[in-house]
Protein backbone atom coordinates (compact mmCIF):
# COMPACT_ATOMS: atom_id res chain seq x y z
CA UNK A 1 141.43 187.06 -96.15
CA UNK A 2 144.91 187.33 -94.67
CA UNK A 3 147.43 184.53 -94.90
CA UNK A 4 148.94 183.71 -91.51
CA UNK A 5 151.92 181.44 -90.90
CA UNK A 6 153.14 180.47 -87.45
CA UNK A 7 156.54 178.85 -87.08
CA UNK A 8 156.50 176.87 -83.84
CA UNK A 9 157.77 173.90 -81.88
CA UNK A 10 155.84 171.30 -79.91
CA UNK A 11 157.15 172.34 -76.48
CA UNK A 12 156.97 176.13 -76.70
CA UNK A 13 154.46 177.75 -74.31
CA UNK A 14 154.64 181.03 -76.25
CA UNK A 15 153.66 179.17 -79.41
CA UNK A 16 150.63 177.76 -77.60
CA UNK A 17 149.62 181.26 -76.41
CA UNK A 18 149.97 182.76 -79.88
CA UNK A 19 147.97 179.97 -81.53
CA UNK A 20 145.31 180.17 -78.81
CA UNK A 21 144.81 183.87 -79.52
CA UNK A 22 144.38 183.22 -83.23
CA UNK A 23 141.97 180.35 -82.55
CA UNK A 24 139.90 182.44 -80.10
CA UNK A 25 139.56 185.11 -82.78
CA UNK A 26 138.52 182.48 -85.34
CA UNK A 27 141.55 183.16 -87.51
CA UNK A 28 142.82 180.35 -89.73
CA UNK A 29 146.57 179.90 -89.87
CA UNK A 30 149.20 177.54 -91.17
CA UNK A 31 151.52 176.08 -88.56
CA UNK A 32 155.06 175.15 -89.54
CA UNK A 33 156.56 172.90 -86.87
CA UNK A 34 160.34 173.28 -86.84
CA UNK A 35 160.89 170.95 -83.86
CA UNK A 36 162.72 168.21 -85.73
CA UNK A 37 163.07 169.78 -89.15
CA UNK A 38 166.45 171.40 -89.74
CA UNK A 39 165.50 172.60 -93.22
CA UNK A 40 162.35 174.32 -91.94
CA UNK A 41 164.35 175.87 -89.08
CA UNK A 42 166.91 177.27 -91.52
CA UNK A 43 164.10 178.62 -93.71
CA UNK A 44 162.68 180.31 -90.61
CA UNK A 45 166.02 181.88 -89.72
CA UNK A 46 166.43 183.20 -93.25
CA UNK A 47 162.89 184.49 -93.46
CA UNK A 48 162.97 186.07 -89.98
CA UNK A 49 166.20 188.00 -90.61
CA UNK A 50 168.33 185.74 -88.41
CA UNK A 51 165.91 185.28 -85.53
CA UNK A 52 165.78 181.68 -84.32
CA UNK A 53 163.16 181.94 -81.59
CA UNK A 54 159.63 180.66 -81.91
CA UNK A 55 156.99 181.51 -82.53
CA UNK A 56 157.69 183.66 -85.52
CA UNK A 57 154.46 184.90 -87.06
CA UNK A 58 153.94 186.18 -90.59
CA UNK A 59 150.81 187.95 -91.79
CA UNK A 60 150.55 188.26 -95.57
CA UNK A 61 154.25 187.45 -95.77
CA UNK A 62 155.29 190.19 -93.34
CA UNK A 63 157.02 189.13 -90.12
CA UNK A 64 155.32 190.62 -87.08
CA UNK A 65 157.52 188.92 -84.48
CA UNK A 66 156.47 186.51 -81.78
CA UNK A 67 153.78 185.92 -79.20
CA UNK A 68 154.21 189.18 -77.28
CA UNK A 69 154.16 191.13 -80.53
CA UNK A 70 150.97 189.39 -81.65
CA UNK A 71 149.24 190.11 -78.33
CA UNK A 72 150.39 193.75 -78.43
CA UNK A 73 148.93 194.19 -81.92
CA UNK A 74 145.66 192.72 -80.67
CA UNK A 75 145.53 195.00 -77.61
CA UNK A 76 146.17 198.04 -79.80
CA UNK A 77 143.47 197.02 -82.28
CA UNK A 78 146.02 196.75 -85.06
CA UNK A 79 145.77 192.97 -85.51
CA UNK A 80 142.23 193.17 -86.87
CA UNK A 81 143.32 195.93 -89.24
CA UNK A 82 146.17 193.79 -90.55
CA UNK A 83 143.88 190.81 -91.02
CA UNK A 84 141.32 192.87 -92.93
CA UNK A 85 143.83 194.18 -95.45
């Protein structure tokens, strides 16, 4: 089973959309809320090669980008492939 991490904030509508997609597909994920956590935010920036926007989504440790990227992978059928590997 794939390991999925979603860096998010409480007020981000794109974070909500990304998490909703994962929930609809029955995919478990770990959410890391960086809203008020400077250390977690800096860890995100380092891990996401300088990107500061949320959500940032990692599947098996590989950054796939944000909400639009997640939905694009799903539309193309690639998300299920990534989750199966």
